[in-house]
Amino acid sequence: MEIHLEKIDARRNCYRFYEISVEADLFAQAALVVRWGRIGGRGRVRIAGSGSVREAQDLATRLLKLRLKHGYALR
């Protein structure tokens, strides 16, 4: 599962991206990986080990809904 979002507002000089992905970790479980920052830059990364794939997907869905409320759009 991988989701890429962008928020572009030229008047405010706002060019941001937000990526959400569920990936396997070293212990055969799932980890939620979130990357965000300015488009064209390296950005930041946060990795949260949540255990099961289902839990990671639920958390990813909640993050997606929150970002959509803040003006991000699917790319």
Protein backbone atom coordinates (compact mmCIF):
# COMPACT_ATOMS: atom_id res chain seq x y z
CA MET A 1 0.00 0.00 0.00
CA GLU A 2 1.46 3.34 -1.03
CA ILE A 3 -0.30 6.71 -1.17
CA HIS A 4 1.17 9.94 -2.52
CA LEU A 5 -0.45 13.29 -1.68
CA GLU A 6 0.44 16.83 -2.72
CA LYS A 7 -0.60 20.29 -1.60
CA ILE A 8 0.17 23.13 -3.98
CA ASP A 9 -0.78 26.76 -3.34
CA ALA A 10 1.37 29.12 -5.43
CA ARG A 11 0.00 32.25 -3.73
CA ARG A 12 1.32 31.04 -0.36
CA ASN A 13 4.49 29.47 -1.80
CA CYS A 14 3.25 26.11 -0.51
CA TYR A 15 4.55 23.07 -2.43
CA ARG A 16 4.34 20.04 -0.15
CA PHE A 17 4.16 16.27 -0.45
CA TYR A 18 3.04 13.56 1.94
CA GLU A 19 3.58 9.83 1.36
CA ILE A 20 2.05 7.01 3.38
CA SER A 21 3.11 3.39 2.89
CA VAL A 22 2.77 0.07 4.69
CA GLU A 23 5.93 -2.02 4.39
CA ALA A 24 7.24 -5.24 5.86
CA ASP A 25 9.78 -4.92 8.65
CA LEU A 26 12.60 -7.28 9.67
CA PHE A 27 10.36 -9.28 12.00
CA ALA A 28 7.76 -10.30 9.36
CA GLN A 29 5.30 -7.74 10.62
CA ALA A 30 4.12 -4.42 9.18
CA ALA A 31 5.50 -0.93 9.62
CA LEU A 32 3.87 2.35 8.69
CA VAL A 33 6.30 4.64 6.86
CA VAL A 34 5.40 8.33 6.47
CA ARG A 35 7.46 10.78 4.40
CA TRP A 36 6.70 14.49 4.13
CA GLY A 37 8.31 17.75 3.10
CA ARG A 38 8.68 20.28 0.32
CA ILE A 39 8.32 19.02 -3.25
CA GLY A 40 11.79 18.56 -4.73
CA GLY A 41 13.46 18.15 -1.32
CA ARG A 42 14.41 15.11 0.69
CA GLY A 43 11.83 15.70 3.37
CA ARG A 44 11.51 13.80 6.63
CA VAL A 45 10.64 10.19 7.46
CA ARG A 46 8.82 8.59 10.37
CA ILE A 47 8.56 4.82 10.79
CA ALA A 48 6.03 3.36 13.20
CA GLY A 49 5.99 -0.38 13.83
CA SER A 50 2.41 -1.34 14.51
CA GLY A 51 2.45 -5.10 14.48
CA SER A 52 -0.13 -6.49 12.08
CA VAL A 53 -0.77 -5.38 8.54
CA ARG A 54 -4.40 -4.61 9.40
CA GLU A 55 -3.41 -2.21 12.21
CA ALA A 56 -0.93 -0.42 9.93
CA GLN A 57 -3.56 -0.08 7.19
CA ASP A 58 -6.09 1.32 9.67
CA LEU A 59 -3.58 3.93 10.84
CA ALA A 60 -2.72 4.78 7.22
CA THR A 61 -6.41 5.31 6.47
CA ARG A 62 -6.78 7.67 9.42
CA LEU A 63 -3.71 9.67 8.31
CA LEU A 64 -5.08 9.86 4.76
CA LYS A 65 -8.41 11.27 5.95
CA LEU A 66 -6.61 13.84 8.12
CA ARG A 67 -4.35 15.01 5.26
CA LEU A 68 -7.30 15.30 2.87
CA LYS A 69 -9.02 17.57 5.40
CA HIS A 70 -5.90 19.77 5.45
CA GLY A 71 -6.01 20.42 1.70
CA TYR A 72 -3.81 17.66 0.30
CA ALA A 73 -4.93 15.90 -2.89
CA LEU A 74 -4.13 12.44 -4.24
CA ARG A 75 -1.56 12.42 -6.98
